[in-house]
Amino acid sequence: MTRTSALAALAVAVLALAAGPADARRSGPARRQAIDMVVIHSTGGPTCDARTGRPVWVRAGQLDDNLRQIEAHPTLGIHHMIDRDGTRRASVPEDQLAHHVFKHSGRSIAVELINDGDGIDPFPEAQLASLVDLLRGIVQRHGLQREGIRRHSDLDHGVLPCDRAQRRKVDPGEAYPHEAVLDRVFTAPGLTPAGAGPRIADSPPAPKAPN
Protein backbone atom coordinates (compact mmCIF):
# COMPACT_ATOMS: atom_id res chain seq x y z
CA MET A 1 0.00 0.00 0.00
CA THR A 2 1.37 3.47 -0.91
CA ARG A 3 1.41 6.52 1.31
CA THR A 4 -1.67 7.77 -0.60
CA SER A 5 -3.85 5.81 1.75
CA ALA A 6 -6.72 6.49 4.12
CA LEU A 7 -4.43 9.02 5.76
CA ALA A 8 -4.25 11.08 2.56
CA ALA A 9 -7.99 10.90 2.04
CA LEU A 10 -8.72 11.92 5.62
CA ALA A 11 -6.13 14.70 5.62
CA VAL A 12 -7.85 16.76 2.94
CA ALA A 13 -10.87 17.33 5.19
CA VAL A 14 -8.88 18.71 8.11
CA LEU A 15 -6.15 20.86 6.56
CA ALA A 16 -7.59 23.93 8.27
CA LEU A 17 -7.47 22.41 11.76
CA ALA A 18 -4.91 23.55 14.24
CA ALA A 19 -2.28 20.96 15.05
CA GLY A 20 -3.00 18.77 18.04
CA PRO A 21 -0.56 17.40 20.58
CA ALA A 22 2.39 15.49 19.20
CA ASP A 23 1.35 12.33 21.03
CA ALA A 24 -2.19 12.29 19.56
CA ARG A 25 -1.76 8.81 18.11
CA ARG A 26 -3.96 6.84 20.49
CA SER A 27 -5.00 9.71 22.69
CA GLY A 28 -6.30 13.23 22.33
CA PRO A 29 -7.22 16.25 24.40
CA ALA A 30 -10.21 16.15 26.69
CA ARG A 31 -13.48 17.11 25.04
CA ARG A 32 -15.02 20.52 25.65
CA GLN A 33 -18.30 19.67 23.93
CA ALA A 34 -20.86 16.98 24.67
CA ILE A 35 -20.99 14.06 22.23
CA ASP A 36 -24.13 14.22 20.11
CA MET A 37 -22.96 12.71 16.84
CA VAL A 38 -21.24 9.73 15.20
CA VAL A 39 -19.62 10.27 11.80
CA ILE A 40 -19.28 7.30 9.44
CA HIS A 41 -16.23 7.40 7.16
CA SER A 42 -14.67 5.09 4.60
CA THR A 43 -10.92 4.70 4.26
CA GLY A 44 -11.04 5.24 0.49
CA GLY A 45 -11.96 8.40 -1.34
CA PRO A 46 -10.81 11.19 -3.66
CA THR A 47 -7.75 13.32 -3.03
CA CYS A 48 -5.07 15.25 -4.90
CA ASP A 49 -1.89 13.41 -5.82
CA ALA A 50 0.98 15.26 -4.13
CA ARG A 51 3.36 14.36 -6.96
CA THR A 52 1.25 15.20 -10.02
CA GLY A 53 -1.28 17.63 -8.58
CA ARG A 54 -4.05 15.66 -10.25
CA PRO A 55 -7.11 14.05 -8.65
CA VAL A 56 -6.78 10.38 -7.71
CA TRP A 57 -9.02 7.91 -5.93
CA VAL A 58 -7.48 6.31 -2.87
CA ARG A 59 -8.54 2.69 -2.44
CA ALA A 60 -9.63 1.14 0.83
CA GLY A 61 -6.34 -0.40 1.92
CA GLN A 62 -5.86 -2.78 4.83
CA LEU A 63 -6.98 -2.25 8.41
CA ASP A 64 -3.56 -2.51 10.05
CA ASP A 65 -1.87 -0.20 7.54
CA ASN A 66 -4.63 2.40 7.73
CA LEU A 67 -4.69 2.39 11.51
CA ARG A 68 -0.90 2.55 11.75
CA GLN A 69 -0.69 5.58 9.46
CA ILE A 70 -3.51 7.48 11.14
CA GLU A 71 -2.12 6.79 14.62
CA ALA A 72 1.34 7.95 13.48
CA HIS A 73 -0.07 11.35 12.46
CA PRO A 74 0.38 14.15 15.02
CA THR A 75 -3.05 15.69 14.41
CA LEU A 76 -5.52 13.27 12.82
CA GLY A 77 -7.30 10.54 14.71
CA ILE A 78 -10.28 8.23 14.82
CA HIS A 79 -12.14 6.34 17.53
CA HIS A 80 -13.06 3.06 15.80
CA MET A 81 -12.18 1.22 12.58
CA ILE A 82 -14.07 -1.80 11.18
CA ASP A 83 -12.66 -4.24 8.62
CA ARG A 84 -14.64 -6.01 5.91
CA ASP A 85 -14.82 -9.19 8.00
CA GLY A 86 -16.24 -7.31 11.00
CA THR A 87 -12.97 -7.03 12.91
CA ARG A 88 -13.21 -3.92 15.02
CA ARG A 89 -10.32 -1.90 16.43
CA ALA A 90 -10.49 1.02 18.85
CA SER A 91 -8.03 3.92 18.73
CA VAL A 92 -8.60 7.25 20.52
CA PRO A 93 -10.97 6.79 23.51
CA GLU A 94 -14.47 8.12 22.89
CA ASP A 95 -14.19 10.66 25.72
CA GLN A 96 -11.19 12.28 24.01
CA LEU A 97 -11.09 14.49 20.92
CA ALA A 98 -9.95 13.04 17.58
CA HIS A 99 -9.69 15.31 14.51
CA HIS A 100 -11.58 13.52 11.74
CA VAL A 101 -14.19 15.88 10.25
CA PHE A 102 -13.88 19.59 9.56
CA LYS A 103 -15.75 21.74 12.14
CA HIS A 104 -17.51 18.80 13.84
CA SER A 105 -14.78 16.77 15.55
CA GLY A 106 -15.34 18.29 18.97
CA ARG A 107 -18.83 16.83 19.31
CA SER A 108 -18.51 13.56 17.41
CA ILE A 109 -17.17 10.01 17.42
CA ALA A 110 -15.34 8.79 14.29
CA VAL A 111 -16.05 5.36 12.82
CA GLU A 112 -13.97 4.32 9.79
CA LEU A 113 -15.09 1.47 7.51
CA ILE A 114 -12.59 -0.31 5.26
CA ASN A 115 -14.13 0.46 1.87
CA ASP A 116 -13.23 2.30 -1.34
CA GLY A 117 -16.06 4.76 -0.76
CA ASP A 118 -16.75 4.95 -4.48
CA GLY A 119 -20.37 3.77 -4.45
CA ILE A 120 -19.36 0.47 -6.08
CA ASP A 121 -17.30 -1.37 -3.48
CA PRO A 122 -19.84 -3.35 -1.40
CA PHE A 123 -20.08 -3.34 2.38
CA PRO A 124 -20.15 -7.00 3.51
CA GLU A 125 -22.80 -8.10 5.99
CA ALA A 126 -20.14 -8.99 8.57
CA GLN A 127 -18.88 -5.41 8.47
CA LEU A 128 -22.37 -3.92 8.69
CA ALA A 129 -23.35 -6.23 11.58
CA SER A 130 -20.24 -5.15 13.48
CA LEU A 131 -21.07 -1.49 12.77
CA VAL A 132 -24.65 -1.93 13.98
CA ASP A 133 -23.42 -3.53 17.20
CA LEU A 134 -20.91 -0.70 17.75
CA LEU A 135 -23.51 1.99 17.06
CA ARG A 136 -26.01 0.41 19.45
CA GLY A 137 -23.41 0.64 22.20
CA ILE A 138 -22.55 4.25 21.37
CA VAL A 139 -26.24 5.20 21.31
CA GLN A 140 -26.74 3.70 24.76
CA ARG A 141 -23.54 5.20 26.21
CA HIS A 142 -24.17 8.72 24.94
CA GLY A 143 -27.94 8.90 24.51
CA LEU A 144 -27.77 9.71 20.80
CA GLN A 145 -30.75 10.13 18.50
CA ARG A 146 -31.14 8.70 15.00
CA GLU A 147 -30.31 12.03 13.38
CA GLY A 148 -27.04 12.07 15.31
CA ILE A 149 -25.53 9.31 13.16
CA ARG A 150 -24.20 11.05 10.06
CA ARG A 151 -22.11 10.28 7.01
CA HIS A 152 -18.92 12.23 6.34
CA SER A 153 -20.46 13.41 3.07
CA ASP A 154 -23.38 14.92 5.01
CA LEU A 155 -21.05 17.31 6.81
CA ASP A 156 -18.22 18.26 4.45
CA HIS A 157 -19.28 19.79 1.13
CA GLY A 158 -15.89 21.17 0.11
CA VAL A 159 -14.25 20.43 -3.24
CA LEU A 160 -10.79 19.25 -4.19
CA PRO A 161 -8.31 22.08 -4.81
CA CYS A 162 -7.04 20.19 -7.87
CA ASP A 163 -10.53 19.54 -9.30
CA ARG A 164 -13.26 21.99 -8.35
CA ALA A 165 -15.87 19.68 -9.86
CA GLN A 166 -15.05 16.89 -7.41
CA ARG A 167 -16.27 16.94 -3.83
CA ARG A 168 -13.43 16.06 -1.50
CA LYS A 169 -15.58 13.97 0.85
CA VAL A 170 -18.11 11.54 -0.59
CA ASP A 171 -17.60 8.79 1.94
CA PRO A 172 -18.85 6.32 2.87
CA GLY A 173 -20.42 6.44 -0.61
CA GLU A 174 -23.64 5.41 -2.30
CA ALA A 175 -23.06 1.69 -1.66
CA TYR A 176 -23.35 2.26 2.08
CA PRO A 177 -26.96 1.45 3.19
CA HIS A 178 -27.28 4.29 5.67
CA GLU A 179 -31.02 4.20 6.41
CA ALA A 180 -31.04 0.39 6.67
CA VAL A 181 -28.19 0.55 9.19
CA LEU A 182 -30.08 3.13 11.25
CA ASP A 183 -33.21 0.98 11.15
CA ARG A 184 -31.22 -1.91 12.59
CA VAL A 185 -29.57 0.24 15.26
CA PHE A 186 -32.76 1.86 16.52
CA THR A 187 -34.91 -1.26 16.56
CA ALA A 188 -32.49 -3.00 18.91
CA PRO A 189 -34.06 -4.72 21.94
CA GLY A 190 -33.95 -2.42 24.95
CA LEU A 191 -33.96 0.84 22.96
CA THR A 192 -36.80 3.28 22.64
CA PRO A 193 -37.83 4.19 19.07
CA ALA A 194 -35.68 7.31 19.36
CA GLY A 195 -32.75 5.36 20.77
CA ALA A 196 -32.63 7.51 23.86
CA GLY A 197 -32.41 4.82 26.49
CA PRO A 198 -33.91 1.62 27.84
CA ARG A 199 -37.49 0.81 27.01
CA ILE A 200 -39.81 0.78 30.03
CA ALA A 201 -42.05 -2.26 30.11
CA ASP A 202 -45.76 -1.65 29.88
CA SER A 203 -47.58 -1.89 33.18
CA PRO A 204 -50.02 -4.81 33.48
CA PRO A 205 -53.65 -3.81 33.17
CA ALA A 206 -55.42 -3.04 36.42
CA PRO A 207 -57.83 -5.75 37.54
CA LYS A 208 -61.47 -5.06 36.82
CA ALA A 209 -63.62 -4.07 39.75
CA PRO A 210 -66.20 -6.73 40.67
CA ASN A 211 -69.76 -6.05 39.43
C-alpha atoms as a PDB file:
ATOM      1  CA  MET A   1       0.000   0.000   0.000  1.00  0.00           C
ATOM      2  CA  THR A   2       1.368   3.473  -0.908  1.00  0.00           C
ATOM      3  CA  ARG A   3       1.405   6.515   1.306  1.00  0.00           C
ATOM      4  CA  THR A   4      -1.666   7.770  -0.600  1.00  0.00           C
ATOM      5  CA  SER A   5      -3.854   5.813   1.746  1.00  0.00           C
ATOM      6  CA  ALA A   6      -6.716   6.485   4.119  1.00  0.00           C
ATOM      7  CA  LEU A   7      -4.429   9.023   5.763  1.00  0.00           C
ATOM      8  CA  ALA A   8      -4.252  11.082   2.562  1.00  0.00           C
ATOM      9  CA  ALA A   9      -7.989  10.899   2.038  1.00  0.00           C
ATOM     10  CA  LEU A  10      -8.715  11.921   5.621  1.00  0.00           C
ATOM     11  CA  ALA A  11      -6.127  14.705   5.618  1.00  0.00           C
ATOM     12  CA  VAL A  12      -7.855  16.758   2.940  1.00  0.00           C
ATOM     13  CA  ALA A  13     -10.868  17.330   5.193  1.00  0.00           C
ATOM     14  CA  VAL A  14      -8.885  18.705   8.109  1.00  0.00           C
ATOM     15  CA  LEU A  15      -6.154  20.863   6.561  1.00  0.00           C
ATOM     16  CA  ALA A  16      -7.589  23.931   8.272  1.00  0.00           C
ATOM     17  CA  LEU A  17      -7.474  22.410  11.759  1.00  0.00           C
ATOM     18  CA  ALA A  18      -4.906  23.555  14.240  1.00  0.00           C
ATOM     19  CA  ALA A  19      -2.278  20.962  15.050  1.00  0.00           C
ATOM     20  CA  GLY A  20      -2.999  18.774  18.041  1.00  0.00           C
ATOM     21  CA  PRO A  21      -0.558  17.405  20.581  1.00  0.00           C
ATOM     22  CA  ALA A  22       2.395  15.489  19.202  1.00  0.00           C
ATOM     23  CA  ASP A  23       1.346  12.329  21.030  1.00  0.00           C
ATOM     24  CA  ALA A  24      -2.190  12.287  19.557  1.00  0.00           C
ATOM     25  CA  ARG A  25      -1.756   8.808  18.110  1.00  0.00           C
ATOM     26  CA  ARG A  26      -3.959   6.843  20.492  1.00  0.00           C
ATOM     27  CA  SER A  27      -5.000   9.711  22.685  1.00  0.00           C
ATOM     28  CA  GLY A  28      -6.304  13.226  22.328  1.00  0.00           C
ATOM     29  CA  PRO A  29      -7.220  16.252  24.398  1.00  0.00           C
ATOM     30  CA  ALA A  30     -10.208  16.148  26.693  1.00  0.00           C
ATOM     31  CA  ARG A  31     -13.482  17.112  25.041  1.00  0.00           C
ATOM     32  CA  ARG A  32     -15.016  20.516  25.649  1.00  0.00           C
ATOM     33  CA  GLN A  33     -18.303  19.667  23.930  1.00  0.00           C
ATOM     34  CA  ALA A  34     -20.858  16.980  24.666  1.00  0.00           C
ATOM     35  CA  ILE A  35     -20.989  14.064  22.226  1.00  0.00           C
ATOM     36  CA  ASP A  36     -24.133  14.223  20.106  1.00  0.00           C
ATOM     37  CA  MET A  37     -22.955  12.712  16.835  1.00  0.00           C
ATOM     38  CA  VAL A  38     -21.243   9.732  15.201  1.00  0.00           C
ATOM     39  CA  VAL A  39     -19.622  10.269  11.797  1.00  0.00           C
ATOM     40  CA  ILE A  40     -19.279   7.301   9.443  1.00  0.00           C
ATOM     41  CA  HIS A  41     -16.231   7.400   7.162  1.00  0.00           C
ATOM     42  CA  SER A  42     -14.674   5.089   4.604  1.00  0.00           C
ATOM     43  CA  THR A  43     -10.925   4.697   4.262  1.00  0.00           C
ATOM     44  CA  GLY A  44     -11.040   5.240   0.486  1.00  0.00           C
ATOM     45  CA  GLY A  45     -11.964   8.403  -1.340  1.00  0.00           C
ATOM     46  CA  PRO A  46     -10.814  11.189  -3.655  1.00  0.00           C
ATOM     47  CA  THR A  47      -7.746  13.323  -3.030  1.00  0.00           C
ATOM     48  CA  CYS A  48      -5.070  15.254  -4.900  1.00  0.00           C
ATOM     49  CA  ASP A  49      -1.891  13.409  -5.816  1.00  0.00           C
ATOM     50  CA  ALA A  50       0.979  15.255  -4.126  1.00  0.00           C
ATOM     51  CA  ARG A  51       3.362  14.364  -6.964  1.00  0.00           C
ATOM     52  CA  THR A  52       1.251  15.197 -10.018  1.00  0.00           C
ATOM     53  CA  GLY A  53      -1.276  17.635  -8.575  1.00  0.00           C
ATOM     54  CA  ARG A  54      -4.045  15.661 -10.254  1.00  0.00           C
ATOM     55  CA  PRO A  55      -7.108  14.050  -8.653  1.00  0.00           C
ATOM     56  CA  VAL A  56      -6.778  10.383  -7.712  1.00  0.00           C
ATOM     57  CA  TRP A  57      -9.021   7.905  -5.934  1.00  0.00           C
ATOM     58  CA  VAL A  58      -7.480   6.309  -2.871  1.00  0.00           C
ATOM     59  CA  ARG A  59      -8.536   2.685  -2.444  1.00  0.00           C
ATOM     60  CA  ALA A  60      -9.627   1.138   0.834  1.00  0.00           C
ATOM     61  CA  GLY A  61      -6.344  -0.403   1.924  1.00  0.00           C
ATOM     62  CA  GLN A  62      -5.859  -2.776   4.833  1.00  0.00           C
ATOM     63  CA  LEU A  63      -6.978  -2.252   8.411  1.00  0.00           C
ATOM     64  CA  ASP A  64      -3.560  -2.514  10.055  1.00  0.00           C
ATOM     65  CA  ASP A  65      -1.869  -0.202   7.537  1.00  0.00           C
ATOM     66  CA  ASN A  66      -4.632   2.399   7.733  1.00  0.00           C
ATOM     67  CA  LEU A  67      -4.691   2.393  11.508  1.00  0.00           C
ATOM     68  CA  ARG A  68      -0.901   2.552  11.746  1.00  0.00           C
ATOM     69  CA  GLN A  69      -0.693   5.580   9.462  1.00  0.00           C
ATOM     70  CA  ILE A  70      -3.509   7.481  11.138  1.00  0.00           C
ATOM     71  CA  GLU A  71      -2.117   6.790  14.616  1.00  0.00           C
ATOM     72  CA  ALA A  72       1.335   7.951  13.476  1.00  0.00           C
ATOM     73  CA  HIS A  73      -0.066  11.355  12.455  1.00  0.00           C
ATOM     74  CA  PRO A  74       0.379  14.152  15.019  1.00  0.00           C
ATOM     75  CA  THR A  75      -3.051  15.688  14.413  1.00  0.00           C
ATOM     76  CA  LEU A  76      -5.522  13.274  12.819  1.00  0.00           C
ATOM     77  CA  GLY A  77      -7.302  10.536  14.709  1.00  0.00           C
ATOM     78  CA  ILE A  78     -10.284   8.227  14.822  1.00  0.00           C
ATOM     79  CA  HIS A  79     -12.142   6.341  17.534  1.00  0.00           C
ATOM     80  CA  HIS A  80     -13.063   3.063  15.796  1.00  0.00           C
ATOM     81  CA  MET A  81     -12.184   1.216  12.578  1.00  0.00           C
ATOM     82  CA  ILE A  82     -14.070  -1.802  11.181  1.00  0.00           C
ATOM     83  CA  ASP A  83     -12.660  -4.239   8.622  1.00  0.00           C
ATOM     84  CA  ARG A  84     -14.642  -6.006   5.913  1.00  0.00           C
ATOM     85  CA  ASP A  85     -14.824  -9.189   7.998  1.00  0.00           C
ATOM     86  CA  GLY A  86     -16.237  -7.313  10.997  1.00  0.00           C
ATOM     87  CA  THR A  87     -12.970  -7.030  12.908  1.00  0.00           C
ATOM     88  CA  ARG A  88     -13.214  -3.916  15.022  1.00  0.00           C
ATOM     89  CA  ARG A  89     -10.325  -1.903  16.427  1.00  0.00           C
ATOM     90  CA  ALA A  90     -10.486   1.020  18.845  1.00  0.00           C
ATOM     91  CA  SER A  91      -8.034   3.917  18.725  1.00  0.00           C
ATOM     92  CA  VAL A  92      -8.600   7.249  20.523  1.00  0.00           C
ATOM     93  CA  PRO A  93     -10.973   6.790  23.507  1.00  0.00           C
ATOM     94  CA  GLU A  94     -14.471   8.121  22.894  1.00  0.00           C
ATOM     95  CA  ASP A  95     -14.186  10.656  25.720  1.00  0.00           C
ATOM     96  CA  GLN A  96     -11.186  12.280  24.008  1.00  0.00           C
ATOM     97  CA  LEU A  97     -11.094  14.492  20.915  1.00  0.00           C
ATOM     98  CA  ALA A  98      -9.947  13.043  17.584  1.00  0.00           C
ATOM     99  CA  HIS A  99      -9.690  15.308  14.513  1.00  0.00           C
ATOM    100  CA  HIS A 100     -11.583  13.518  11.744  1.00  0.00           C
ATOM    101  CA  VAL A 101     -14.189  15.877  10.247  1.00  0.00           C
ATOM    102  CA  PHE A 102     -13.883  19.593   9.558  1.00  0.00           C
ATOM    103  CA  LYS A 103     -15.751  21.735  12.144  1.00  0.00           C
ATOM    104  CA  HIS A 104     -17.512  18.803  13.841  1.00  0.00           C
ATOM    105  CA  SER A 105     -14.779  16.768  15.549  1.00  0.00           C
ATOM    106  CA  GLY A 106     -15.338  18.289  18.975  1.00  0.00           C
ATOM    107  CA  ARG A 107     -18.833  16.827  19.312  1.00  0.00           C
ATOM    108  CA  SER A 108     -18.509  13.562  17.406  1.00  0.00           C
ATOM    109  CA  ILE A 109     -17.167  10.014  17.418  1.00  0.00           C
ATOM    110  CA  ALA A 110     -15.344   8.790  14.289  1.00  0.00           C
ATOM    111  CA  VAL A 111     -16.046   5.355  12.818  1.00  0.00           C
ATOM    112  CA  GLU A 112     -13.967   4.316   9.789  1.00  0.00           C
ATOM    113  CA  LEU A 113     -15.090   1.471   7.510  1.00  0.00           C
ATOM    114  CA  ILE A 114     -12.593  -0.309   5.260  1.00  0.00           C
ATOM    115  CA  ASN A 115     -14.135   0.456   1.874  1.00  0.00           C
ATOM    116  CA  ASP A 116     -13.229   2.298  -1.342  1.00  0.00           C
ATOM    117  CA  GLY A 117     -16.064   4.757  -0.757  1.00  0.00           C
ATOM    118  CA  ASP A 118     -16.751   4.946  -4.482  1.00  0.00           C
ATOM    119  CA  GLY A 119     -20.367   3.772  -4.449  1.00  0.00           C
ATOM    120  CA  ILE A 120     -19.357   0.474  -6.079  1.00  0.00           C
ATOM    121  CA  ASP A 121     -17.304  -1.370  -3.477  1.00  0.00           C
ATOM    122  CA  PRO A 122     -19.842  -3.355  -1.396  1.00  0.00           C
ATOM    123  CA  PHE A 123     -20.077  -3.345   2.378  1.00  0.00           C
ATOM    124  CA  PRO A 124     -20.147  -7.003   3.511  1.00  0.00           C
ATOM    125  CA  GLU A 125     -22.800  -8.099   5.987  1.00  0.00           C
ATOM    126  CA  ALA A 126     -20.141  -8.992   8.567  1.00  0.00           C
ATOM    127  CA  GLN A 127     -18.884  -5.405   8.473  1.00  0.00           C
ATOM    128  CA  LEU A 128     -22.367  -3.920   8.693  1.00  0.00           C
ATOM    129  CA  ALA A 129     -23.351  -6.231  11.575  1.00  0.00           C
ATOM    130  CA  SER A 130     -20.243  -5.149  13.481  1.00  0.00           C
ATOM    131  CA  LEU A 131     -21.070  -1.494  12.765  1.00  0.00           C
ATOM    132  CA  VAL A 132     -24.654  -1.934  13.981  1.00  0.00           C
ATOM    133  CA  ASP A 133     -23.416  -3.529  17.196  1.00  0.00           C
ATOM    134  CA  LEU A 134     -20.915  -0.704  17.750  1.00  0.00           C
ATOM    135  CA  LEU A 135     -23.508   1.993  17.057  1.00  0.00           C
ATOM    136  CA  ARG A 136     -26.011   0.413  19.449  1.00  0.00           C
ATOM    137  CA  GLY A 137     -23.413   0.640  22.199  1.00  0.00           C
ATOM    138  CA  ILE A 138     -22.551   4.249  21.366  1.00  0.00           C
ATOM    139  CA  VAL A 139     -26.241   5.199  21.310  1.00  0.00           C
ATOM    140  CA  GLN A 140     -26.738   3.701  24.761  1.00  0.00           C
ATOM    141  CA  ARG A 141     -23.539   5.204  26.206  1.00  0.00           C
ATOM    142  CA  HIS A 142     -24.165   8.719  24.937  1.00  0.00           C
ATOM    143  CA  GLY A 143     -27.937   8.898  24.510  1.00  0.00           C
ATOM    144  CA  LEU A 144     -27.773   9.707  20.801  1.00  0.00           C
ATOM    145  CA  GLN A 145     -30.745  10.129  18.501  1.00  0.00           C
ATOM    146  CA  ARG A 146     -31.145   8.696  15.004  1.00  0.00           C
ATOM    147  CA  GLU A 147     -30.309  12.031  13.385  1.00  0.00           C
ATOM    148  CA  GLY A 148     -27.041  12.071  15.307  1.00  0.00           C
ATOM    149  CA  ILE A 149     -25.530   9.314  13.161  1.00  0.00           C
ATOM    150  CA  ARG A 150     -24.201  11.049  10.055  1.00  0.00           C
ATOM    151  CA  ARG A 151     -22.107  10.280   7.005  1.00  0.00           C
ATOM    152  CA  HIS A 152     -18.924  12.234   6.340  1.00  0.00           C
ATOM    153  CA  SER A 153     -20.462  13.411   3.073  1.00  0.00           C
ATOM    154  CA  ASP A 154     -23.382  14.923   5.013  1.00  0.00           C
ATOM    155  CA  LEU A 155     -21.049  17.311   6.813  1.00  0.00           C
ATOM    156  CA  ASP A 156     -18.217  18.263   4.452  1.00  0.00           C
ATOM    157  CA  HIS A 157     -19.281  19.793   1.128  1.00  0.00           C
ATOM    158  CA  GLY A 158     -15.894  21.168   0.115  1.00  0.00           C
ATOM    159  CA  VAL A 159     -14.251  20.426  -3.242  1.00  0.00           C
ATOM    160  CA  LEU A 160     -10.788  19.249  -4.191  1.00  0.00           C
ATOM    161  CA  PRO A 161      -8.310  22.076  -4.805  1.00  0.00           C
ATOM    162  CA  CYS A 162      -7.042  20.187  -7.866  1.00  0.00           C
ATOM    163  CA  ASP A 163     -10.534  19.539  -9.297  1.00  0.00           C
ATOM    164  CA  ARG A 164     -13.259  21.990  -8.354  1.00  0.00           C
ATOM    165  CA  ALA A 165     -15.873  19.684  -9.858  1.00  0.00           C
ATOM    166  CA  GLN A 166     -15.050  16.888  -7.415  1.00  0.00           C
ATOM    167  CA  ARG A 167     -16.268  16.936  -3.826  1.00  0.00           C
ATOM    168  CA  ARG A 168     -13.433  16.060  -1.496  1.00  0.00           C
ATOM    169  CA  LYS A 169     -15.583  13.972   0.848  1.00  0.00           C
ATOM    170  CA  VAL A 170     -18.113  11.544  -0.593  1.00  0.00           C
ATOM    171  CA  ASP A 171     -17.604   8.791   1.944  1.00  0.00           C
ATOM    172  CA  PRO A 172     -18.846   6.319   2.870  1.00  0.00           C
ATOM    173  CA  GLY A 173     -20.424   6.440  -0.607  1.00  0.00           C
ATOM    174  CA  GLU A 174     -23.644   5.407  -2.297  1.00  0.00           C
ATOM    175  CA  ALA A 175     -23.061   1.692  -1.657  1.00  0.00           C
ATOM    176  CA  TYR A 176     -23.353   2.263   2.083  1.00  0.00           C
ATOM    177  CA  PRO A 177     -26.960   1.452   3.193  1.00  0.00           C
ATOM    178  CA  HIS A 178     -27.283   4.294   5.674  1.00  0.00           C
ATOM    179  CA  GLU A 179     -31.016   4.201   6.407  1.00  0.00           C
ATOM    180  CA  ALA A 180     -31.040   0.395   6.669  1.00  0.00           C
ATOM    181  CA  VAL A 181     -28.188   0.554   9.186  1.00  0.00           C
ATOM    182  CA  LEU A 182     -30.076   3.132  11.249  1.00  0.00           C
ATOM    183  CA  ASP A 183     -33.211   0.984  11.150  1.00  0.00           C
ATOM    184  CA  ARG A 184     -31.218  -1.913  12.594  1.00  0.00           C
ATOM    185  CA  VAL A 185     -29.570   0.240  15.259  1.00  0.00           C
ATOM    186  CA  PHE A 186     -32.760   1.859  16.520  1.00  0.00           C
ATOM    187  CA  THR A 187     -34.906  -1.264  16.558  1.00  0.00           C
ATOM    188  CA  ALA A 188     -32.491  -3.002  18.908  1.00  0.00           C
ATOM    189  CA  PRO A 189     -34.061  -4.723  21.941  1.00  0.00           C
ATOM    190  CA  GLY A 190     -33.950  -2.419  24.949  1.00  0.00           C
ATOM    191  CA  LEU A 191     -33.955   0.844  22.956  1.00  0.00           C
ATOM    192  CA  THR A 192     -36.802   3.283  22.642  1.00  0.00           C
ATOM    193  CA  PRO A 193     -37.825   4.186  19.071  1.00  0.00           C
ATOM    194  CA  ALA A 194     -35.677   7.306  19.358  1.00  0.00           C
ATOM    195  CA  GLY A 195     -32.755   5.356  20.771  1.00  0.00           C
ATOM    196  CA  ALA A 196     -32.627   7.509  23.863  1.00  0.00           C
ATOM    197  CA  GLY A 197     -32.409   4.821  26.492  1.00  0.00           C
ATOM    198  CA  PRO A 198     -33.906   1.621  27.836  1.00  0.00           C
ATOM    199  CA  ARG A 199     -37.492   0.806  27.006  1.00  0.00           C
ATOM    200  CA  ILE A 200     -39.814   0.779  30.027  1.00  0.00           C
ATOM    201  CA  ALA A 201     -42.049  -2.259  30.108  1.00  0.00           C
ATOM    202  CA  ASP A 202     -45.761  -1.648  29.879  1.00  0.00           C
ATOM    203  CA  SER A 203     -47.584  -1.892  33.180  1.00  0.00           C
ATOM    204  CA  PRO A 204     -50.017  -4.811  33.482  1.00  0.00           C
ATOM    205  CA  PRO A 205     -53.647  -3.808  33.167  1.00  0.00           C
ATOM    206  CA  ALA A 206     -55.420  -3.044  36.420  1.00  0.00           C
ATOM    207  CA  PRO A 207     -57.829  -5.751  37.544  1.00  0.00           C
ATOM    208  CA  LYS A 208     -61.470  -5.055  36.817  1.00  0.00           C
ATOM    209  CA  ALA A 209     -63.623  -4.074  39.754  1.00  0.00           C
ATOM    210  CA  PRO A 210     -66.201  -6.730  40.670  1.00  0.00           C
ATOM    211  CA  ASN A 211     -69.757  -6.053  39.434  1.00  0.00           C
END
